[in-house]
Amino acid sequence: MSFTETLDAFFGDLSVSATIVTGTSTASASVYFDNPSTIGLAGAVVMDAPSLVAQESAGLARGSTVTISGTAYTVRIVEKLDDGALVRATLEAP
């Protein structure tokens, strides 16, 4: 017997709303957004790129535009997590 899990319950209180534009398609999705700080380490600046975790069904693709809290980001990389039902997108800040 096959089991289908609905992931919507995992994107509740701590998630943020994002608008995703891929080509001519526009969608809204709940995502977990991470915008790390710039870190200085022994005279060098180490920077982490902003990223998000979303359901695969959100339709994220390289080159998509994601708008979160009024700031638009460009998707650089999309990688599947575990079984592929969730994805992590590395974003490029404006």
Protein backbone atom coordinates (compact mmCIF):
# COMPACT_ATOMS: atom_id res chain seq x y z
CA MET A 1 0.00 0.00 0.00
CA SER A 2 1.29 3.44 -0.93
CA PHE A 3 1.44 6.29 1.60
CA THR A 4 1.10 9.90 0.49
CA GLU A 5 2.14 12.52 3.01
CA THR A 6 0.82 16.07 2.98
CA LEU A 7 3.63 18.44 3.92
CA ASP A 8 1.45 21.54 4.42
CA ALA A 9 1.34 20.94 8.18
CA PHE A 10 5.12 21.41 8.38
CA PHE A 11 4.89 24.92 6.88
CA GLY A 12 2.84 26.64 9.56
CA ASP A 13 3.81 29.08 12.28
CA LEU A 14 7.51 29.55 11.47
CA SER A 15 7.26 29.81 7.69
CA VAL A 16 6.94 32.97 5.59
CA SER A 17 4.98 33.63 2.43
CA ALA A 18 6.90 33.81 -0.84
CA THR A 19 5.89 34.71 -4.39
CA ILE A 20 7.70 32.58 -6.96
CA VAL A 21 7.95 33.59 -10.62
CA THR A 22 9.29 30.98 -13.06
CA GLY A 23 8.99 32.01 -16.69
CA THR A 24 5.40 33.16 -17.12
CA SER A 25 4.10 31.19 -14.11
CA THR A 26 3.52 32.86 -10.72
CA ALA A 27 2.81 30.93 -7.50
CA SER A 28 2.62 31.60 -3.78
CA ALA A 29 4.15 29.22 -1.27
CA SER A 30 5.01 28.95 2.40
CA VAL A 31 8.78 28.60 2.84
CA TYR A 32 11.42 28.57 5.55
CA PHE A 33 13.75 31.50 4.81
CA ASP A 34 17.30 31.84 6.12
CA ASN A 35 19.23 35.08 5.61
CA PRO A 36 22.55 34.59 7.45
CA SER A 37 24.84 37.36 8.62
CA THR A 38 28.21 38.32 7.19
CA ILE A 39 30.96 36.92 9.38
CA GLY A 40 34.51 38.25 9.74
CA LEU A 41 37.03 35.47 10.32
CA ALA A 42 40.75 36.18 10.83
CA GLY A 43 40.66 39.24 8.59
CA ALA A 44 38.63 37.52 5.87
CA VAL A 45 34.95 38.07 5.26
CA VAL A 46 32.94 34.86 5.09
CA MET A 47 29.45 35.28 3.65
CA ASP A 48 26.64 32.79 3.48
CA ALA A 49 24.01 33.18 0.78
CA PRO A 50 20.35 33.45 1.71
CA SER A 51 18.39 30.24 1.17
CA LEU A 52 14.95 28.75 1.61
CA VAL A 53 13.35 25.36 2.06
CA ALA A 54 10.06 24.70 0.28
CA GLN A 55 7.91 21.89 -1.00
CA GLU A 56 8.98 20.57 -4.39
CA SER A 57 5.51 21.45 -5.66
CA ALA A 58 6.37 25.18 -5.29
CA GLY A 59 8.07 24.90 -8.69
CA LEU A 60 11.43 26.49 -7.85
CA ALA A 61 13.97 26.41 -10.68
CA ARG A 62 17.32 28.02 -11.42
CA GLY A 63 16.64 31.60 -12.51
CA SER A 64 13.27 31.85 -10.75
CA THR A 65 12.51 35.08 -8.92
CA VAL A 66 11.42 34.72 -5.29
CA THR A 67 9.97 37.69 -3.41
CA ILE A 68 9.97 37.52 0.39
CA SER A 69 8.94 40.49 2.55
CA GLY A 70 9.18 42.83 -0.44
CA THR A 71 12.73 41.78 -1.42
CA ALA A 72 13.28 39.95 -4.71
CA TYR A 73 15.91 37.19 -4.91
CA THR A 74 17.11 35.09 -7.85
CA VAL A 75 17.38 31.31 -7.43
CA ARG A 76 20.94 30.10 -8.10
CA ILE A 77 20.72 26.44 -7.13
CA VAL A 78 17.87 24.04 -6.27
CA GLU A 79 18.77 20.82 -4.49
CA LYS A 80 16.47 18.01 -3.41
CA LEU A 81 16.38 17.09 0.27
CA ASP A 82 15.96 13.48 1.35
CA ASP A 83 13.25 11.91 -0.86
CA GLY A 84 12.82 15.07 -2.99
CA ALA A 85 9.49 16.18 -1.52
CA LEU A 86 11.35 19.18 -0.07
CA VAL A 87 13.95 21.31 -1.82
CA ARG A 88 16.55 23.86 -0.69
CA ALA A 89 17.12 26.85 -2.97
CA THR A 90 20.24 28.97 -2.65
CA LEU A 91 19.36 32.57 -3.49
CA GLU A 92 21.23 35.52 -4.88
CA ALA A 93 20.51 38.77 -3.07
CA PRO A 94 19.68 41.87 -5.13
